[in-house]
């Protein structure tokens, strides 16, 4: 449980900051997906963007936790 908190909480904060920065620069209604304008509402685009940012940040945090294991933890 402790590792899940180490991974999810910092990635949640980073996702929030990343989404604020991204959507400050780009308008959700002007985004295109495969050459077509998105048909989702602004709230839908914000939600999907947040969860994608959170997933990438969580993957980064999980990789950090994985790589900082000691030799004793690896060779159990």
Protein backbone atom coordinates (compact mmCIF):
# COMPACT_ATOMS: atom_id res chain seq x y z
CA UNK A 1 0.00 0.00 0.00
CA UNK A 2 2.86 2.34 0.83
CA UNK A 3 4.36 1.96 -2.66
CA UNK A 4 1.01 2.68 -4.27
CA UNK A 5 0.87 5.95 -2.35
CA UNK A 6 4.46 6.72 -3.36
CA UNK A 7 3.47 6.22 -6.99
CA UNK A 8 -0.06 7.65 -7.22
CA UNK A 9 0.10 10.76 -5.05
CA UNK A 10 3.09 12.51 -6.71
CA UNK A 11 1.82 11.49 -10.15
CA UNK A 12 -1.59 13.00 -9.30
CA UNK A 13 0.04 16.33 -8.47
CA UNK A 14 2.21 16.24 -11.60
CA UNK A 15 -0.82 15.37 -13.75
CA UNK A 16 -2.74 18.33 -12.36
CA UNK A 17 0.12 20.72 -13.05
CA UNK A 18 0.72 19.23 -16.50
CA UNK A 19 -2.92 19.56 -17.45
CA UNK A 20 -3.06 23.17 -16.28
CA UNK A 21 -0.01 24.03 -18.38
CA UNK A 22 -1.18 22.09 -21.45
CA UNK A 23 -4.72 23.48 -21.51
CA UNK A 24 -3.50 27.00 -20.81
CA UNK A 25 -1.77 26.85 -24.18
CA UNK A 26 -4.30 24.72 -26.15
CA UNK A 27 -8.08 25.03 -26.38
CA UNK A 28 -9.83 21.63 -26.13
CA UNK A 29 -12.26 22.56 -28.93
CA UNK A 30 -9.35 23.15 -31.35
CA UNK A 31 -7.74 19.72 -30.86
CA UNK A 32 -7.82 17.20 -33.70
CA UNK A 33 -7.76 13.41 -33.43
CA UNK A 34 -6.66 11.56 -36.59
CA UNK A 35 -7.34 14.66 -38.70
CA UNK A 36 -10.88 15.14 -37.39
CA UNK A 37 -11.98 17.68 -34.78
CA UNK A 38 -12.88 16.16 -31.44
CA UNK A 39 -16.61 15.75 -30.78
CA UNK A 40 -16.26 15.56 -27.00
CA UNK A 41 -17.22 18.38 -24.68
CA UNK A 42 -14.53 20.49 -23.07
CA UNK A 43 -15.06 18.65 -19.79
CA UNK A 44 -14.60 15.31 -21.56
CA UNK A 45 -11.35 16.46 -23.16
CA UNK A 46 -10.13 17.82 -19.81
CA UNK A 47 -10.96 14.52 -18.08
CA UNK A 48 -9.28 12.35 -20.70
CA UNK A 49 -6.25 14.66 -20.72
CA UNK A 50 -5.95 14.50 -16.94
CA UNK A 51 -6.15 10.71 -16.80
CA UNK A 52 -3.60 10.35 -19.61
CA UNK A 53 -1.21 12.72 -17.83
CA UNK A 54 -1.80 10.81 -14.60
CA UNK A 55 -1.09 7.47 -16.29
CA UNK A 56 2.19 8.71 -17.79
CA UNK A 57 3.29 10.28 -14.49
CA UNK A 58 2.33 7.10 -12.58
CA UNK A 59 4.35 5.00 -15.04
CA UNK A 60 7.33 7.26 -14.45
CA UNK A 61 6.97 7.02 -10.67
CA UNK A 62 6.52 3.24 -10.83
CA UNK A 63 9.67 2.90 -12.92
CA UNK A 64 11.56 4.99 -10.37
CA UNK A 65 10.35 2.74 -7.52
CA UNK A 66 11.26 -0.34 -9.54
CA UNK A 67 14.79 0.88 -10.30
CA UNK A 68 15.63 1.96 -6.75
CA UNK A 69 15.25 -1.53 -5.28
CA UNK A 70 18.23 -2.86 -3.36
CA UNK A 71 20.04 -6.09 -4.33
CA UNK A 72 18.48 -7.79 -1.29
CA UNK A 73 14.96 -6.97 -2.50
CA UNK A 74 15.75 -8.20 -6.00
CA UNK A 75 17.33 -11.52 -4.92
CA UNK A 76 14.62 -12.65 -2.47
